[in-house]
Amino acid sequence: MSPHAKRSMADPRRERAAPASTALDGLETLCAKLIRFCAAGAMAALAYLLGVTALGVAARLAFDLSNGAINLLIPGLFEQATYALAVLVFLAPAASGGGGMIRADLLSNAAPAALQRLGERLWAALALMFAATLATLLSQRAARAFAQGEVSQDLGLPLAPVFGLAAFGCAAWAVIAALGVIAPARATRLSRSRAAIAAPAPSARR
């Protein structure tokens, strides 16, 4: 049998494996982009939350110390802080999805490797179901808020974008969890790459 014939007989197996590997590469790339986007959104929401809270505290302090002579209180600060916190809460799981699920390392590291992989897939599957359920409910709530033109009580802020961002964060979390179910090794690699980026560079020894 010629070498060309041998290569031809081996090609079908490689051809079947190639599309699956390409799909996983695409899913891993998508997860990395979702993590970056949700992390940026969560940091923006956190910065806004801290800024609004600090402004409210400073204005209240000035009002109390001056016995009401200095009134810098801005109406609606509490409402703004509430919705910023809501966006932060629903974007944070996807933003931290590259770091892996919360677990007790003392117990998981002592377990056999096969049991560790099974546990990681189980946690990822539970996260996938929970996040997908939240994404569905929140997307329906966002659609209803948009159709009815719902706004907040104090400032009249539209509520559809808030529910929409929350639904997006949960959907992104579900996609990231799906990678952990399908390819735990790739999820771990993504986790390590994200941790390496987030970790501060060690200082040089003197």
Protein backbone atom coordinates (compact mmCIF):
# COMPACT_ATOMS: atom_id res chain seq x y z
CA MET A 1 0.00 0.00 0.00
CA SER A 2 1.39 3.39 -1.00
CA PRO A 3 2.08 6.13 1.57
CA HIS A 4 -0.57 8.25 -0.16
CA ALA A 5 -3.17 5.52 0.43
CA LYS A 6 -2.20 5.26 4.10
CA ARG A 7 -2.63 8.99 4.52
CA SER A 8 -5.99 8.80 2.79
CA MET A 9 -7.19 6.11 5.20
CA ALA A 10 -6.14 8.22 8.22
CA ASP A 11 -7.64 11.45 6.94
CA PRO A 12 -11.34 10.73 7.75
CA ARG A 13 -10.64 10.52 11.48
CA ARG A 14 -8.74 13.78 11.42
CA GLU A 15 -11.46 15.39 9.35
CA ARG A 16 -14.06 14.39 11.94
CA ALA A 17 -11.95 15.75 14.81
CA ALA A 18 -11.13 19.03 13.09
CA PRO A 19 -14.66 20.56 13.14
CA ALA A 20 -15.11 19.70 16.83
CA SER A 21 -11.77 21.28 17.72
CA THR A 22 -12.61 24.36 15.65
CA ALA A 23 -15.98 24.70 17.39
CA LEU A 24 -14.35 24.43 20.82
CA ASP A 25 -11.76 27.02 19.81
CA GLY A 26 -14.59 29.35 18.82
CA LEU A 27 -16.45 28.71 22.08
CA GLU A 28 -13.32 29.35 24.12
CA THR A 29 -12.67 32.60 22.24
CA LEU A 30 -16.28 33.67 22.78
CA CYS A 31 -16.01 32.93 26.51
CA ALA A 32 -12.84 35.00 26.78
CA LYS A 33 -14.58 37.95 25.09
CA LEU A 34 -17.65 37.61 27.30
CA ILE A 35 -15.48 37.56 30.42
CA ARG A 36 -13.65 40.71 29.33
CA PHE A 37 -16.88 42.53 28.46
CA CYS A 38 -18.66 41.56 31.68
CA ALA A 39 -15.57 42.43 33.74
CA ALA A 40 -15.47 45.89 32.15
CA GLY A 41 -19.19 46.37 32.76
CA ALA A 42 -18.95 45.16 36.35
CA MET A 43 -16.02 47.49 37.05
CA ALA A 44 -17.92 50.43 35.54
CA ALA A 45 -20.99 49.60 37.65
CA LEU A 46 -18.82 49.28 40.75
CA ALA A 47 -17.10 52.62 40.08
CA TYR A 48 -20.46 54.31 39.57
CA LEU A 49 -21.85 52.70 42.71
CA LEU A 50 -18.90 53.86 44.81
CA GLY A 51 -19.01 57.35 43.31
CA VAL A 52 -22.73 57.78 43.92
CA THR A 53 -22.43 56.42 47.45
CA ALA A 54 -19.48 58.68 48.30
CA LEU A 55 -21.30 61.69 46.88
CA GLY A 56 -24.38 60.93 48.95
CA VAL A 57 -22.38 60.45 52.14
CA ALA A 58 -20.42 63.68 51.61
CA ALA A 59 -23.57 65.67 50.87
CA ARG A 60 -25.31 64.26 53.93
CA LEU A 61 -22.29 65.01 56.12
CA ALA A 62 -22.15 68.61 54.88
CA PHE A 63 -25.88 68.99 55.52
CA ASP A 64 -25.65 67.66 59.09
CA LEU A 65 -22.52 69.62 60.06
CA SER A 66 -23.96 72.88 58.78
CA ASN A 67 -27.34 72.30 60.43
CA GLY A 68 -29.00 72.38 57.04
CA ALA A 69 -27.29 75.53 55.78
CA ILE A 70 -25.40 73.59 53.10
CA ASN A 71 -27.85 71.44 51.20
CA LEU A 72 -26.05 69.46 48.50
CA LEU A 73 -28.35 66.46 48.70
CA ILE A 74 -29.21 65.14 45.24
CA PRO A 75 -32.53 63.29 44.90
CA GLY A 76 -32.40 59.83 43.42
CA LEU A 77 -28.90 58.87 44.55
CA PHE A 78 -30.17 55.83 46.42
CA GLU A 79 -32.11 54.73 43.35
CA GLN A 80 -29.05 55.10 41.14
CA ALA A 81 -26.97 53.10 43.60
CA THR A 82 -29.62 50.38 43.71
CA TYR A 83 -29.64 49.84 39.95
CA ALA A 84 -25.86 50.06 39.69
CA LEU A 85 -25.64 47.34 42.33
CA ALA A 86 -28.16 45.22 40.41
CA VAL A 87 -26.09 45.45 37.23
CA LEU A 88 -22.92 44.64 39.17
CA VAL A 89 -24.46 41.58 40.82
CA PHE A 90 -25.61 40.03 37.55
CA LEU A 91 -22.44 40.80 35.58
CA ALA A 92 -20.05 39.62 38.30
CA PRO A 93 -20.59 35.83 37.92
CA ALA A 94 -19.69 35.96 34.22
CA ALA A 95 -16.82 38.34 34.91
CA SER A 96 -15.39 35.86 37.42
CA GLY A 97 -16.32 32.84 35.30
CA GLY A 98 -12.75 32.50 34.09
CA GLY A 99 -11.66 31.94 37.66
CA GLY A 100 -13.61 28.72 38.04
CA MET A 101 -16.35 27.76 40.47
CA ILE A 102 -16.06 28.32 44.21
CA ARG A 103 -14.84 25.18 45.88
CA ALA A 104 -12.99 23.88 48.92
CA ASP A 105 -9.47 23.25 47.63
CA LEU A 106 -8.58 21.22 50.71
CA LEU A 107 -11.22 18.64 49.76
CA SER A 108 -11.05 18.83 45.97
CA ASN A 109 -7.26 18.54 45.78
CA ALA A 110 -7.33 15.41 47.95
CA ALA A 111 -9.80 13.68 45.62
CA PRO A 112 -8.65 11.53 42.69
CA ALA A 113 -8.19 13.30 39.36
CA ALA A 114 -11.20 11.58 37.81
CA LEU A 115 -13.41 12.63 40.71
CA GLN A 116 -12.12 16.20 40.46
CA ARG A 117 -13.03 16.35 36.77
CA LEU A 118 -16.46 14.91 37.51
CA GLY A 119 -17.02 17.47 40.26
CA GLU A 120 -15.97 20.35 38.01
CA ARG A 121 -18.37 19.19 35.32
CA LEU A 122 -21.16 18.79 37.87
CA TRP A 123 -20.68 22.31 39.23
CA ALA A 124 -20.50 23.71 35.71
CA ALA A 125 -23.72 21.89 34.76
CA LEU A 126 -25.53 23.27 37.81
CA ALA A 127 -24.26 26.77 37.03
CA LEU A 128 -25.37 26.37 33.41
CA MET A 129 -28.93 25.43 34.39
CA PHE A 130 -29.19 28.17 37.01
CA ALA A 131 -27.75 30.89 34.76
CA ALA A 132 -29.90 29.84 31.79
CA THR A 133 -33.03 29.98 33.95
CA LEU A 134 -32.15 33.45 35.22
CA ALA A 135 -31.32 34.66 31.70
CA THR A 136 -34.69 33.46 30.42
CA LEU A 137 -36.66 35.07 33.25
CA LEU A 138 -34.75 38.34 33.10
CA SER A 139 -35.00 38.60 29.31
CA GLN A 140 -38.76 38.15 29.58
CA ARG A 141 -38.86 40.82 32.28
CA ALA A 142 -36.79 43.19 30.12
CA ALA A 143 -39.12 42.65 27.16
CA ARG A 144 -42.15 43.36 29.34
CA ALA A 145 -40.54 46.48 30.82
CA PHE A 146 -39.70 47.74 27.32
CA ALA A 147 -43.18 47.05 25.97
CA GLN A 148 -44.88 48.78 28.92
CA GLY A 149 -42.36 51.62 29.12
CA GLU A 150 -41.59 50.98 32.79
CA VAL A 151 -39.49 53.61 34.53
CA SER A 152 -38.08 54.01 38.03
CA GLN A 153 -40.10 55.74 40.72
CA ASP A 154 -37.87 58.72 41.59
CA LEU A 155 -35.90 59.67 38.49
CA GLY A 156 -38.01 58.04 35.80
CA LEU A 157 -35.09 55.94 34.54
CA PRO A 158 -36.06 53.28 31.98
CA LEU A 159 -35.90 49.84 33.57
CA ALA A 160 -35.60 47.78 30.38
CA PRO A 161 -31.82 48.39 30.01
CA VAL A 162 -31.24 47.33 33.61
CA PHE A 163 -33.09 44.04 33.14
CA GLY A 164 -31.45 43.64 29.73
CA LEU A 165 -27.93 43.95 31.15
CA ALA A 166 -28.82 41.52 33.92
CA ALA A 167 -30.15 39.03 31.34
CA PHE A 168 -27.01 39.43 29.23
CA GLY A 169 -24.79 38.79 32.24
CA CYS A 170 -26.65 35.58 33.07
CA ALA A 171 -26.58 34.44 29.44
CA ALA A 172 -22.82 35.04 29.33
CA TRP A 173 -22.45 33.07 32.56
CA ALA A 174 -24.39 30.19 30.98
CA VAL A 175 -22.11 30.15 27.93
CA ILE A 176 -18.99 30.14 30.13
CA ALA A 177 -20.44 27.33 32.25
CA ALA A 178 -21.21 25.38 29.07
CA LEU A 179 -17.51 25.41 28.22
CA GLY A 180 -16.82 23.89 31.63
CA VAL A 181 -19.28 21.09 30.90
CA ILE A 182 -18.09 20.35 27.38
CA ALA A 183 -14.35 20.89 27.79
CA PRO A 184 -13.20 21.26 31.42
CA ALA A 185 -9.55 21.34 30.34
CA ARG A 186 -10.18 24.37 28.14
CA ALA A 187 -12.11 26.07 30.93
CA THR A 188 -9.18 25.48 33.27
CA ARG A 189 -6.76 26.86 30.69
CA LEU A 190 -8.94 29.94 30.28
CA SER A 191 -9.04 30.31 34.06
CA ARG A 192 -5.26 30.16 34.35
CA SER A 193 -4.72 32.62 31.51
CA ARG A 194 -7.16 35.07 33.10
CA ALA A 195 -5.51 34.65 36.50
CA ALA A 196 -2.11 35.31 34.97
CA ILE A 197 -3.40 38.54 33.40
CA ALA A 198 -5.10 39.72 36.58
CA ALA A 199 -2.22 38.87 38.91
CA PRO A 200 0.19 41.74 39.60
CA ALA A 201 3.71 41.35 38.31
CA PRO A 202 6.14 40.25 41.04
CA SER A 203 8.57 42.94 42.12
CA ALA A 204 12.19 42.42 41.30
CA ARG A 205 14.40 41.34 44.17
CA ARG A 206 16.85 43.91 45.39
